[in-house]
């Protein structure tokens, strides 16, 4: 898998963890583990920014544009369907053997894509 794509997936995972912290569903966990939610959020934000700085300039700029608008930056492609917008990607694109060895974006929703299976 492309290293830039791996970074994007890591960033997305951290962003999802941040969303879970801000929706309030982890208050009990924070109490049990004696963690301050604000500190955890700040730590996640710092790590996301650190990883974003490691992205190539063009990918980083595109990531920031998408991240400002959408909760998901990276979407899986399963059986030729982008799970960001549920539109079929081209058959040629979906069937390429090296499809995860480069960073691609969905033509419809703009999400970065990674192919599953």
PDB file of N, CA and C in Angstrom:
ATOM      1  N   UNK A   1       0.851  -1.180   0.000  1.00  0.00           N
ATOM      2  CA  UNK A   1       0.000   0.000   0.000  1.00  0.00           C
ATOM      3  C   UNK A   1       0.895   1.242   0.000  1.00  0.00           C
ATOM      4  N   UNK A   2       0.450   2.260  -0.711  1.00  0.00           N
ATOM      5  CA  UNK A   2       1.169   3.524  -0.788  1.00  0.00           C
ATOM      6  C   UNK A   2       1.310   4.145   0.600  1.00  0.00           C
ATOM      7  N   UNK A   3       2.492   4.684   0.912  1.00  0.00           N
ATOM      8  CA  UNK A   3       2.741   5.265   2.240  1.00  0.00           C
ATOM      9  C   UNK A   3       1.835   6.466   2.519  1.00  0.00           C
ATOM     10  N   UNK A   4       1.575   7.267   1.494  1.00  0.00           N
ATOM     11  CA  UNK A   4       0.694   8.420   1.674  1.00  0.00           C
ATOM     12  C   UNK A   4      -0.731   7.956   1.997  1.00  0.00           C
ATOM     13  N   UNK A   5      -1.157   6.895   1.359  1.00  0.00           N
ATOM     14  CA  UNK A   5      -2.476   6.333   1.621  1.00  0.00           C
ATOM     15  C   UNK A   5      -2.549   5.785   3.050  1.00  0.00           C
ATOM     16  N   UNK A   6      -1.480   5.151   3.497  1.00  0.00           N
ATOM     17  CA  UNK A   6      -1.436   4.665   4.882  1.00  0.00           C
ATOM     18  C   UNK A   6      -1.534   5.822   5.866  1.00  0.00           C
ATOM     19  N   UNK A   7      -0.838   6.921   5.591  1.00  0.00           N
ATOM     20  CA  UNK A   7      -0.929   8.104   6.459  1.00  0.00           C
ATOM     21  C   UNK A   7      -2.354   8.651   6.485  1.00  0.00           C
ATOM     22  N   UNK A   8      -2.990   8.704   5.329  1.00  0.00           N
ATOM     23  CA  UNK A   8      -4.376   9.184   5.274  1.00  0.00           C
ATOM     24  C   UNK A   8      -5.307   8.307   6.101  1.00  0.00           C
ATOM     25  N   UNK A   9      -5.097   6.997   6.053  1.00  0.00           N
ATOM     26  CA  UNK A   9      -5.926   6.087   6.855  1.00  0.00           C
ATOM     27  C   UNK A   9      -5.670   6.284   8.349  1.00  0.00           C
ATOM     28  N   UNK A  10      -4.416   6.498   8.733  1.00  0.00           N
ATOM     29  CA  UNK A  10      -4.107   6.771  10.142  1.00  0.00           C
ATOM     30  C   UNK A  10      -4.782   8.057  10.602  1.00  0.00           C
ATOM     31  N   UNK A  11      -4.691   9.088   9.771  1.00  0.00           N
ATOM     32  CA  UNK A  11      -5.315  10.364  10.107  1.00  0.00           C
ATOM     33  C   UNK A  11      -6.826  10.190  10.265  1.00  0.00           C
ATOM     34  N   UNK A  12      -7.429   9.472   9.349  1.00  0.00           N
ATOM     35  CA  UNK A  12      -8.871   9.262   9.445  1.00  0.00           C
ATOM     36  C   UNK A  12      -9.244   8.533  10.736  1.00  0.00           C
ATOM     37  N   UNK A  13      -8.462   7.528  11.107  1.00  0.00           N
ATOM     38  CA  UNK A  13      -8.734   6.795  12.341  1.00  0.00           C
ATOM     39  C   UNK A  13      -8.658   7.728  13.553  1.00  0.00           C
ATOM     40  N   UNK A  14      -7.653   8.575  13.607  1.00  0.00           N
ATOM     41  CA  UNK A  14      -7.523   9.525  14.716  1.00  0.00           C
ATOM     42  C   UNK A  14      -8.675  10.527  14.732  1.00  0.00           C
ATOM     43  N   UNK A  15      -9.089  10.976  13.561  1.00  0.00           N
ATOM     44  CA  UNK A  15     -10.223  11.906  13.485  1.00  0.00           C
ATOM     45  C   UNK A  15     -11.506  11.253  13.977  1.00  0.00           C
ATOM     46  N   UNK A  16     -11.689   9.980  13.683  1.00  0.00           N
ATOM     47  CA  UNK A  16     -12.875   9.263  14.152  1.00  0.00           C
ATOM     48  C   UNK A  16     -12.836   9.112  15.673  1.00  0.00           C
ATOM     49  N   UNK A  17     -11.655   8.853  16.217  1.00  0.00           N
ATOM     50  CA  UNK A  17     -11.528   8.768  17.671  1.00  0.00           C
ATOM     51  C   UNK A  17     -11.856  10.111  18.310  1.00  0.00           C
ATOM     52  N   UNK A  18     -11.409  11.196  17.677  1.00  0.00           N
ATOM     53  CA  UNK A  18     -11.701  12.525  18.199  1.00  0.00           C
ATOM     54  C   UNK A  18     -13.210  12.777  18.206  1.00  0.00           C
ATOM     55  N   UNK A  19     -13.887  12.402  17.110  1.00  0.00           N
ATOM     56  CA  UNK A  19     -15.344  12.572  17.041  1.00  0.00           C
ATOM     57  C   UNK A  19     -16.042  11.817  18.157  1.00  0.00           C
ATOM     58  N   UNK A  20     -15.555  10.609  18.449  1.00  0.00           N
ATOM     59  CA  UNK A  20     -16.158   9.823  19.529  1.00  0.00           C
ATOM     60  C   UNK A  20     -15.983  10.525  20.871  1.00  0.00           C
ATOM     61  N   UNK A  21     -14.834  11.155  21.070  1.00  0.00           N
ATOM     62  CA  UNK A  21     -14.605  11.877  22.321  1.00  0.00           C
ATOM     63  C   UNK A  21     -15.516  13.087  22.448  1.00  0.00           C
ATOM     64  N   UNK A  22     -15.759  13.766  21.347  1.00  0.00           N
ATOM     65  CA  UNK A  22     -16.566  14.988  21.410  1.00  0.00           C
ATOM     66  C   UNK A  22     -18.063  14.718  21.440  1.00  0.00           C
ATOM     67  N   UNK A  23     -18.496  13.506  21.077  1.00  0.00           N
ATOM     68  CA  UNK A  23     -19.944  13.233  21.102  1.00  0.00           C
ATOM     69  C   UNK A  23     -20.438  12.852  22.491  1.00  0.00           C
ATOM     70  N   UNK A  24     -19.523  12.731  23.459  1.00  0.00           N
ATOM     71  CA  UNK A  24     -19.914  12.502  24.838  1.00  0.00           C
ATOM     72  C   UNK A  24     -20.171  11.064  25.226  1.00  0.00           C
ATOM     73  N   UNK A  25     -20.039  10.129  24.295  1.00  0.00           N
ATOM     74  CA  UNK A  25     -20.334   8.738  24.617  1.00  0.00           C
ATOM     75  C   UNK A  25     -19.215   8.065  25.409  1.00  0.00           C
ATOM     76  N   UNK A  26     -18.096   8.728  25.598  1.00  0.00           N
ATOM     77  CA  UNK A  26     -16.968   8.121  26.304  1.00  0.00           C
ATOM     78  C   UNK A  26     -16.763   8.706  27.697  1.00  0.00           C
ATOM     79  N   UNK A  27     -17.758   9.413  28.220  1.00  0.00           N
ATOM     80  CA  UNK A  27     -17.618  10.028  29.544  1.00  0.00           C
ATOM     81  C   UNK A  27     -17.316   8.994  30.624  1.00  0.00           C
ATOM     82  N   UNK A  28     -17.968   7.853  30.580  1.00  0.00           N
ATOM     83  CA  UNK A  28     -17.736   6.804  31.567  1.00  0.00           C
ATOM     84  C   UNK A  28     -16.308   6.283  31.474  1.00  0.00           C
ATOM     85  N   UNK A  29     -15.835   6.030  30.257  1.00  0.00           N
ATOM     86  CA  UNK A  29     -14.459   5.567  30.070  1.00  0.00           C
ATOM     87  C   UNK A  29     -13.469   6.586  30.611  1.00  0.00           C
ATOM     88  N   UNK A  30     -13.702   7.858  30.354  1.00  0.00           N
ATOM     89  CA  UNK A  30     -12.810   8.907  30.837  1.00  0.00           C
ATOM     90  C   UNK A  30     -12.782   8.910  32.355  1.00  0.00           C
ATOM     91  N   UNK A  31     -13.928   8.684  32.966  1.00  0.00           N
ATOM     92  CA  UNK A  31     -14.007   8.652  34.425  1.00  0.00           C
ATOM     93  C   UNK A  31     -13.276   7.433  34.989  1.00  0.00           C
ATOM     94  N   UNK A  32     -13.463   6.287  34.385  1.00  0.00           N
ATOM     95  CA  UNK A  32     -12.835   5.048  34.845  1.00  0.00           C
ATOM     96  C   UNK A  32     -11.312   5.118  34.705  1.00  0.00           C
ATOM     97  N   UNK A  33     -10.837   5.641  33.582  1.00  0.00           N
ATOM     98  CA  UNK A  33      -9.399   5.679  33.322  1.00  0.00           C
ATOM     99  C   UNK A  33      -8.746   6.983  33.751  1.00  0.00           C
ATOM    100  N   UNK A  34      -9.523   7.878  34.363  1.00  0.00           N
ATOM    101  CA  UNK A  34      -9.021   9.155  34.859  1.00  0.00           C
ATOM    102  C   UNK A  34      -8.301   9.936  33.761  1.00  0.00           C
ATOM    103  N   UNK A  35      -9.016  10.132  32.662  1.00  0.00           N
ATOM    104  CA  UNK A  35      -8.483  10.865  31.516  1.00  0.00           C
ATOM    105  C   UNK A  35      -9.319  12.120  31.319  1.00  0.00           C
ATOM    106  N   UNK A  36      -8.655  13.229  31.060  1.00  0.00           N
ATOM    107  CA  UNK A  36      -9.380  14.459  30.763  1.00  0.00           C
ATOM    108  C   UNK A  36      -9.647  14.498  29.264  1.00  0.00           C
ATOM    109  N   UNK A  37     -10.902  14.611  28.918  1.00  0.00           N
ATOM    110  CA  UNK A  37     -11.316  14.603  27.512  1.00  0.00           C
ATOM    111  C   UNK A  37     -10.602  15.706  26.734  1.00  0.00           C
ATOM    112  N   UNK A  38     -10.502  16.891  27.307  1.00  0.00           N
ATOM    113  CA  UNK A  38      -9.864  18.014  26.616  1.00  0.00           C
ATOM    114  C   UNK A  38      -8.405  17.702  26.282  1.00  0.00           C
ATOM    115  N   UNK A  39      -7.698  17.047  27.213  1.00  0.00           N
ATOM    116  CA  UNK A  39      -6.302  16.680  26.969  1.00  0.00           C
ATOM    117  C   UNK A  39      -6.194  15.628  25.862  1.00  0.00           C
ATOM    118  N   UNK A  40      -7.115  14.677  25.879  1.00  0.00           N
ATOM    119  CA  UNK A  40      -7.109  13.633  24.851  1.00  0.00           C
ATOM    120  C   UNK A  40      -7.392  14.229  23.479  1.00  0.00           C
ATOM    121  N   UNK A  41      -8.341  15.148  23.408  1.00  0.00           N
ATOM    122  CA  UNK A  41      -8.670  15.805  22.142  1.00  0.00           C
ATOM    123  C   UNK A  41      -7.483  16.610  21.642  1.00  0.00           C
ATOM    124  N   UNK A  42      -6.857  17.353  22.516  1.00  0.00           N
ATOM    125  CA  UNK A  42      -5.683  18.141  22.140  1.00  0.00           C
ATOM    126  C   UNK A  42      -4.564  17.236  21.623  1.00  0.00           C
ATOM    127  N   UNK A  43      -4.363  16.120  22.291  1.00  0.00           N
ATOM    128  CA  UNK A  43      -3.337  15.168  21.872  1.00  0.00           C
ATOM    129  C   UNK A  43      -3.646  14.586  20.494  1.00  0.00           C
ATOM    130  N   UNK A  44      -4.898  14.235  20.261  1.00  0.00           N
ATOM    131  CA  UNK A  44      -5.303  13.715  18.954  1.00  0.00           C
ATOM    132  C   UNK A  44      -5.121  14.768  17.867  1.00  0.00           C
ATOM    133  N   UNK A  45      -5.507  16.007  18.161  1.00  0.00           N
ATOM    134  CA  UNK A  45      -5.347  17.089  17.180  1.00  0.00           C
ATOM    135  C   UNK A  45      -3.881  17.284  16.816  1.00  0.00           C
ATOM    136  N   UNK A  46      -3.011  17.229  17.810  1.00  0.00           N
ATOM    137  CA  UNK A  46      -1.577  17.390  17.558  1.00  0.00           C
ATOM    138  C   UNK A  46      -1.042  16.257  16.693  1.00  0.00           C
ATOM    139  N   UNK A  47      -1.470  15.037  16.970  1.00  0.00           N
ATOM    140  CA  UNK A  47      -1.004  13.882  16.194  1.00  0.00           C
ATOM    141  C   UNK A  47      -1.530  13.952  14.754  1.00  0.00           C
ATOM    142  N   UNK A  48      -2.777  14.356  14.572  1.00  0.00           N
ATOM    143  CA  UNK A  48      -3.339  14.503  13.225  1.00  0.00           C
ATOM    144  C   UNK A  48      -2.529  15.531  12.444  1.00  0.00           C
ATOM    145  N   UNK A  49      -2.224  16.653  13.066  1.00  0.00           N
ATOM    146  CA  UNK A  49      -1.453  17.695  12.376  1.00  0.00           C
ATOM    147  C   UNK A  49      -0.040  17.209  12.053  1.00  0.00           C
ATOM    148  N   UNK A  50       0.561  16.480  12.976  1.00  0.00           N
ATOM    149  CA  UNK A  50       1.900  15.923  12.738  1.00  0.00           C
ATOM    150  C   UNK A  50       1.890  14.978  11.531  1.00  0.00           C
ATOM    151  N   UNK A  51       0.895  14.107  11.465  1.00  0.00           N
ATOM    152  CA  UNK A  51       0.790  13.181  10.338  1.00  0.00           C
ATOM    153  C   UNK A  51       0.469  13.922   9.044  1.00  0.00           C
ATOM    154  N   UNK A  52      -0.378  14.925   9.121  1.00  0.00           N
ATOM    155  CA  UNK A  52      -0.734  15.697   7.924  1.00  0.00           C
ATOM    156  C   UNK A  52       0.489  16.384   7.339  1.00  0.00           C
ATOM    157  N   UNK A  53       1.395  16.826   8.180  1.00  0.00           N
ATOM    158  CA  UNK A  53       2.613  17.480   7.693  1.00  0.00           C
ATOM    159  C   UNK A  53       3.518  16.506   6.942  1.00  0.00           C
ATOM    160  N   UNK A  54       3.359  15.230   7.179  1.00  0.00           N
ATOM    161  CA  UNK A  54       4.162  14.221   6.478  1.00  0.00           C
ATOM    162  C   UNK A  54       3.597  13.874   5.102  1.00  0.00           C
ATOM    163  N   UNK A  55       2.396  14.345   4.811  1.00  0.00           N
ATOM    164  CA  UNK A  55       1.802  14.103   3.496  1.00  0.00           C
ATOM    165  C   UNK A  55       2.500  14.978   2.454  1.00  0.00           C
ATOM    166  N   UNK A  56       2.553  14.496   1.224  1.00  0.00           N
ATOM    167  CA  UNK A  56       3.061  15.306   0.124  1.00  0.00           C
ATOM    168  C   UNK A  56       2.190  16.556   0.007  1.00  0.00           C
ATOM    169  N   UNK A  57       2.774  17.648  -0.433  1.00  0.00           N
ATOM    170  CA  UNK A  57       2.099  18.938  -0.430  1.00  0.00           C
ATOM    171  C   UNK A  57       0.722  18.902  -1.104  1.00  0.00           C
ATOM    172  N   UNK A  58       0.641  18.372  -2.320  1.00  0.00           N
ATOM    173  CA  UNK A  58      -0.630  18.330  -3.034  1.00  0.00           C
ATOM    174  C   UNK A  58      -1.675  17.489  -2.326  1.00  0.00           C
ATOM    175  N   UNK A  59      -1.255  16.364  -1.792  1.00  0.00           N
ATOM    176  CA  UNK A  59      -2.178  15.483  -1.059  1.00  0.00           C
ATOM    177  C   UNK A  59      -2.626  16.164   0.227  1.00  0.00           C
ATOM    178  N   UNK A  60      -1.688  16.836   0.913  1.00  0.00           N
ATOM    179  CA  UNK A  60      -2.024  17.542   2.162  1.00  0.00           C
ATOM    180  C   UNK A  60      -3.058  18.642   1.899  1.00  0.00           C
ATOM    181  N   UNK A  61      -2.872  19.401   0.825  1.00  0.00           N
ATOM    182  CA  UNK A  61      -3.819  20.472   0.506  1.00  0.00           C
ATOM    183  C   UNK A  61      -5.200  19.903   0.190  1.00  0.00           C
ATOM    184  N   UNK A  62      -5.227  18.830  -0.572  1.00  0.00           N
ATOM    185  CA  UNK A  62      -6.505  18.187  -0.903  1.00  0.00           C
ATOM    186  C   UNK A  62      -7.147  17.612   0.362  1.00  0.00           C
ATOM    187  N   UNK A  63      -6.345  16.972   1.214  1.00  0.00           N
ATOM    188  CA  UNK A  63      -6.842  16.429   2.489  1.00  0.00           C
ATOM    189  C   UNK A  63      -7.523  17.532   3.298  1.00  0.00           C
ATOM    190  N   UNK A  64      -6.867  18.681   3.421  1.00  0.00           N
ATOM    191  CA  UNK A  64      -7.424  19.767   4.241  1.00  0.00           C
ATOM    192  C   UNK A  64      -8.730  20.299   3.653  1.00  0.00           C
ATOM    193  N   UNK A  65      -8.817  20.376   2.333  1.00  0.00           N
ATOM    194  CA  UNK A  65     -10.077  20.821   1.704  1.00  0.00           C
ATOM    195  C   UNK A  65     -11.202  19.836   2.003  1.00  0.00           C
ATOM    196  N   UNK A  66     -10.912  18.552   1.887  1.00  0.00           N
ATOM    197  CA  UNK A  66     -11.937  17.534   2.134  1.00  0.00           C
ATOM    198  C   UNK A  66     -12.293  17.496   3.621  1.00  0.00           C
ATOM    199  N   UNK A  67     -11.289  17.546   4.481  1.00  0.00           N
ATOM    200  CA  UNK A  67     -11.506  17.434   5.928  1.00  0.00           C
ATOM    201  C   UNK A  67     -12.369  18.567   6.464  1.00  0.00           C
ATOM    202  N   UNK A  68     -12.297  19.739   5.829  1.00  0.00           N
ATOM    203  CA  UNK A  68     -13.109  20.872   6.269  1.00  0.00           C
ATOM    204  C   UNK A  68     -14.593  20.660   5.988  1.00  0.00           C
ATOM    205  N   UNK A  69     -14.900  19.791   5.008  1.00  0.00           N
ATOM    206  CA  UNK A  69     -16.286  19.619   4.575  1.00  0.00           C
ATOM    207  C   UNK A  69     -16.910  18.290   4.992  1.00  0.00           C
ATOM    208  N   UNK A  70     -16.102  17.260   5.082  1.00  0.00           N
ATOM    209  CA  UNK A  70     -16.660  15.914   5.243  1.00  0.00           C
ATOM    210  C   UNK A  70     -16.068  15.204   6.457  1.00  0.00           C
ATOM    211  N   UNK A  71     -16.863  14.372   7.110  1.00  0.00           N
ATOM    212  CA  UNK A  71     -16.345  13.608   8.250  1.00  0.00           C
ATOM    213  C   UNK A  71     -15.355  12.523   7.829  1.00  0.00           C
ATOM    214  N   UNK A  72     -15.526  12.005   6.616  1.00  0.00           N
ATOM    215  CA  UNK A  72     -14.626  10.956   6.102  1.00  0.00           C
ATOM    216  C   UNK A  72     -13.754  11.552   5.012  1.00  0.00           C
ATOM    217  N   UNK A  73     -12.472  11.276   5.117  1.00  0.00           N
ATOM    218  CA  UNK A  73     -11.523  11.751   4.124  1.00  0.00           C
ATOM    219  C   UNK A  73     -11.148  10.617   3.175  1.00  0.00           C
ATOM    220  N   UNK A  74     -11.165   9.406   3.698  1.00  0.00           N
ATOM    221  CA  UNK A  74     -10.796   8.221   2.929  1.00  0.00           C
ATOM    222  C   UNK A  74     -11.988   7.268   2.945  1.00  0.00           C
ATOM    223  N   UNK A  75     -12.307   6.745   1.766  1.00  0.00           N
ATOM    224  CA  UNK A  75     -13.436   5.819   1.662  1.00  0.00           C
ATOM    225  C   UNK A  75     -12.969   4.516   1.029  1.00  0.00           C
ATOM    226  N   UNK A  76     -13.479   3.395   1.531  1.00  0.00           N
ATOM    227  CA  UNK A  76     -13.139   2.119   0.888  1.00  0.00           C
ATOM    228  C   UNK A  76     -13.916   1.935  -0.413  1.00  0.00           C
ATOM    229  N   UNK A  77     -13.316   1.197  -1.312  1.00  0.00           N
ATOM    230  CA  UNK A  77     -14.007   0.761  -2.527  1.00  0.00           C
ATOM    231  C   UNK A  77     -14.203  -0.739  -2.365  1.00  0.00           C
ATOM    232  N   UNK A  78     -15.462  -1.151  -2.300  1.00  0.00           N
ATOM    233  CA  UNK A  78     -15.799  -2.561  -2.112  1.00  0.00           C
ATOM    234  C   UNK A  78     -16.665  -2.988  -3.290  1.00  0.00           C
ATOM    235  N   UNK A  79     -16.219  -4.031  -3.971  1.00  0.00           N
ATOM    236  CA  UNK A  79     -16.938  -4.515  -5.166  1.00  0.00           C
ATOM    237  C   UNK A  79     -17.212  -3.400  -6.172  1.00  0.00           C
ATOM    238  N   UNK A  80     -16.226  -2.501  -6.331  1.00  0.00           N
ATOM    239  CA  UNK A  80     -16.337  -1.444  -7.321  1.00  0.00           C
ATOM    240  C   UNK A  80     -17.178  -0.253  -6.919  1.00  0.00           C
ATOM    241  N   UNK A  81     -17.620  -0.192  -5.662  1.00  0.00           N
ATOM    242  CA  UNK A  81     -18.469   0.898  -5.174  1.00  0.00           C
ATOM    243  C   UNK A  81     -17.694   1.739  -4.167  1.00  0.00           C
ATOM    244  N   UNK A  82     -17.674   3.064  -4.381  1.00  0.00           N
ATOM    245  CA  UNK A  82     -17.069   3.983  -3.408  1.00  0.00           C
ATOM    246  C   UNK A  82     -18.023   4.096  -2.227  1.00  0.00           C
ATOM    247  N   UNK A  83     -17.542   3.807  -1.031  1.00  0.00           N
ATOM    248  CA  UNK A  83     -18.394   3.889   0.154  1.00  0.00           C
ATOM    249  C   UNK A  83     -18.393   5.278   0.780  1.00  0.00           C
ATOM    250  N   UNK A  84     -17.898   6.259   0.039  1.00  0.00           N
ATOM    251  CA  UNK A  84     -18.042   7.653   0.435  1.00  0.00           C
ATOM    252  C   UNK A  84     -19.318   8.227  -0.133  1.00  0.00           C
ATOM    253  N   UNK A  85     -19.646   7.805  -1.372  1.00  0.00           N
ATOM    254  CA  UNK A  85     -20.839   8.337  -2.046  1.00  0.00           C
ATOM    255  C   UNK A  85     -21.733   7.237  -2.627  1.00  0.00           C
ATOM    256  N   UNK A  86     -21.295   5.988  -2.565  1.00  0.00           N
ATOM    257  CA  UNK A  86     -22.042   4.823  -3.052  1.00  0.00           C
ATOM    258  C   UNK A  86     -22.288   4.870  -4.567  1.00  0.00           C
ATOM    259  N   UNK A  87     -21.291   5.391  -5.269  1.00  0.00           N
ATOM    260  CA  UNK A  87     -21.323   5.422  -6.730  1.00  0.00           C
ATOM    261  C   UNK A  87     -20.251   4.469  -7.230  1.00  0.00           C
ATOM    262  N   UNK A  88     -20.537   3.781  -8.318  1.00  0.00           N
ATOM    263  CA  UNK A  88     -19.565   2.840  -8.885  1.00  0.00           C
ATOM    264  C   UNK A  88     -18.376   3.589  -9.477  1.00  0.00           C
ATOM    265  N   UNK A  89     -17.175   3.088  -9.186  1.00  0.00           N
ATOM    266  CA  UNK A  89     -15.977   3.619  -9.834  1.00  0.00           C
ATOM    267  C   UNK A  89     -15.816   2.854 -11.145  1.00  0.00           C
ATOM    268  N   UNK A  90     -15.014   3.387 -12.047  1.00  0.00           N
ATOM    269  CA  UNK A  90     -14.875   2.725 -13.343  1.00  0.00           C
ATOM    270  C   UNK A  90     -14.343   1.307 -13.166  1.00  0.00           C
ATOM    271  N   UNK A  91     -14.799   0.408 -13.996  1.00  0.00           N
ATOM    272  CA  UNK A  91     -14.389  -0.991 -13.932  1.00  0.00           C
ATOM    273  C   UNK A  91     -12.883  -1.128 -14.110  1.00  0.00           C
ATOM    274  N   UNK A  92     -12.329  -0.365 -15.036  1.00  0.00           N
ATOM    275  CA  UNK A  92     -10.883  -0.427 -15.278  1.00  0.00           C
ATOM    276  C   UNK A  92     -10.119  -0.021 -14.026  1.00  0.00           C
ATOM    277  N   UNK A  93     -10.565   1.019 -13.368  1.00  0.00           N
ATOM    278  CA  UNK A  93      -9.906   1.508 -12.157  1.00  0.00           C
ATOM    279  C   UNK A  93     -10.035   0.500 -11.022  1.00  0.00           C
ATOM    280  N   UNK A  94     -11.198  -0.067 -10.848  1.00  0.00           N
ATOM    281  CA  UNK A  94     -11.446  -1.000  -9.747  1.00  0.00           C
ATOM    282  C   UNK A  94     -10.723  -2.324  -9.920  1.00  0.00           C
ATOM    283  N   UNK A  95     -10.405  -2.687 -11.156  1.00  0.00           N
ATOM    284  CA  UNK A  95      -9.798  -3.997 -11.385  1.00  0.00           C
ATOM    285  C   UNK A  95      -8.283  -3.963 -11.541  1.00  0.00           C
ATOM    286  N   UNK A  96      -7.673  -2.798 -11.479  1.00  0.00           N
ATOM    287  CA  UNK A  96      -6.219  -2.704 -11.613  1.00  0.00           C
ATOM    288  C   UNK A  96      -5.539  -3.410 -10.448  1.00  0.00           C
ATOM    289  N   UNK A  97      -4.503  -4.173 -10.739  1.00  0.00           N
ATOM    290  CA  UNK A  97      -3.800  -4.939  -9.704  1.00  0.00           C
ATOM    291  C   UNK A  97      -3.075  -4.035  -8.713  1.00  0.00           C
ATOM    292  N   UNK A  98      -2.556  -2.905  -9.176  1.00  0.00           N
ATOM    293  CA  UNK A  98      -1.765  -2.035  -8.306  1.00  0.00           C
ATOM    294  C   UNK A  98      -2.566  -0.843  -7.772  1.00  0.00           C
ATOM    295  N   UNK A  99      -3.860  -0.997  -7.647  1.00  0.00           N
ATOM    296  CA  UNK A  99      -4.741   0.123  -7.312  1.00  0.00           C
ATOM    297  C   UNK A  99      -4.468   0.771  -5.955  1.00  0.00           C
ATOM    298  N   UNK A 100      -3.895   0.068  -4.987  1.00  0.00           N
ATOM    299  CA  UNK A 100      -3.572   0.674  -3.693  1.00  0.00           C
ATOM    300  C   UNK A 100      -2.116   1.125  -3.606  1.00  0.00           C
ATOM    301  N   UNK A 101      -1.424   1.096  -4.734  1.00  0.00           N
ATOM    302  CA  UNK A 101      -0.020   1.509  -4.748  1.00  0.00           C
ATOM    303  C   UNK A 101       0.128   2.978  -5.147  1.00  0.00           C
ATOM    304  N   UNK A 102      -0.989   3.668  -5.266  1.00  0.00           N
ATOM    305  CA  UNK A 102      -0.979   5.106  -5.545  1.00  0.00           C
ATOM    306  C   UNK A 102      -2.221   5.724  -4.887  1.00  0.00           C
ATOM    307  N   UNK A 103      -2.169   7.013  -4.703  1.00  0.00           N
ATOM    308  CA  UNK A 103      -3.288   7.725  -4.088  1.00  0.00           C
ATOM    309  C   UNK A 103      -4.256   8.143  -5.190  1.00  0.00           C
ATOM    310  N   UNK A 104      -5.512   7.754  -5.025  1.00  0.00           N
ATOM    311  CA  UNK A 104      -6.573   8.099  -5.970  1.00  0.00           C
ATOM    312  C   UNK A 104      -7.714   8.766  -5.225  1.00  0.00           C
ATOM    313  N   UNK A 105      -8.512   9.509  -5.965  1.00  0.00           N
ATOM    314  CA  UNK A 105      -9.691  10.148  -5.386  1.00  0.00           C
ATOM    315  C   UNK A 105     -10.925   9.745  -6.176  1.00  0.00           C
ATOM    316  N   UNK A 106     -12.048   9.735  -5.505  1.00  0.00           N
ATOM    317  CA  UNK A 106     -13.320   9.449  -6.160  1.00  0.00           C
ATOM    318  C   UNK A 106     -13.686  10.629  -7.064  1.00  0.00           C
ATOM    319  N   UNK A 107     -14.100  10.322  -8.270  1.00  0.00           N
ATOM    320  CA  UNK A 107     -14.486  11.361  -9.229  1.00  0.00           C
ATOM    321  C   UNK A 107     -15.760  12.086  -8.802  1.00  0.00           C
ATOM    322  N   UNK A 108     -16.556  11.470  -7.914  1.00  0.00           N
ATOM    323  CA  UNK A 108     -17.843  12.025  -7.548  1.00  0.00           C
ATOM    324  C   UNK A 108     -17.826  12.764  -6.211  1.00  0.00           C
ATOM    325  N   UNK A 109     -17.308  12.130  -5.157  1.00  0.00           N
ATOM    326  CA  UNK A 109     -17.341  12.753  -3.841  1.00  0.00           C
ATOM    327  C   UNK A 109     -16.014  13.365  -3.435  1.00  0.00           C
ATOM    328  N   UNK A 110     -14.925  13.023  -4.111  1.00  0.00           N
ATOM    329  CA  UNK A 110     -13.617  13.601  -3.817  1.00  0.00           C
ATOM    330  C   UNK A 110     -12.819  12.883  -2.745  1.00  0.00           C
ATOM    331  N   UNK A 111     -13.422  11.915  -2.069  1.00  0.00           N
ATOM    332  CA  UNK A 111     -12.691  11.173  -1.035  1.00  0.00           C
ATOM    333  C   UNK A 111     -11.493  10.432  -1.632  1.00  0.00           C
ATOM    334  N   UNK A 112     -10.440  10.318  -0.837  1.00  0.00           N
ATOM    335  CA  UNK A 112      -9.344   9.432  -1.228  1.00  0.00           C
ATOM    336  C   UNK A 112      -9.876   8.014  -1.152  1.00  0.00           C
ATOM    337  N   UNK A 113      -9.389   7.138  -2.016  1.00  0.00           N
ATOM    338  CA  UNK A 113      -9.902   5.773  -2.094  1.00  0.00           C
ATOM    339  C   UNK A 113      -8.862   4.736  -1.731  1.00  0.00           C
ATOM    340  N   UNK A 114      -9.320   3.685  -1.065  1.00  0.00           N
ATOM    341  CA  UNK A 114      -8.509   2.484  -0.930  1.00  0.00           C
ATOM    342  C   UNK A 114      -9.411   1.302  -1.263  1.00  0.00           C
ATOM    343  N   UNK A 115      -8.825   0.365  -1.969  1.00  0.00           N
ATOM    344  CA  UNK A 115      -9.601  -0.773  -2.476  1.00  0.00           C
ATOM    345  C   UNK A 115      -9.500  -1.962  -1.531  1.00  0.00           C
ATOM    346  N   UNK A 116     -10.650  -2.547  -1.243  1.00  0.00           N
ATOM    347  CA  UNK A 116     -10.751  -3.693  -0.340  1.00  0.00           C
ATOM    348  C   UNK A 116     -11.085  -4.922  -1.180  1.00  0.00           C
ATOM    349  N   UNK A 117     -10.323  -5.972  -0.955  1.00  0.00           N
ATOM    350  CA  UNK A 117     -10.601  -7.234  -1.630  1.00  0.00           C
ATOM    351  C   UNK A 117     -10.331  -7.311  -3.083  1.00  0.00           C
TER     352      UNK A 117
END
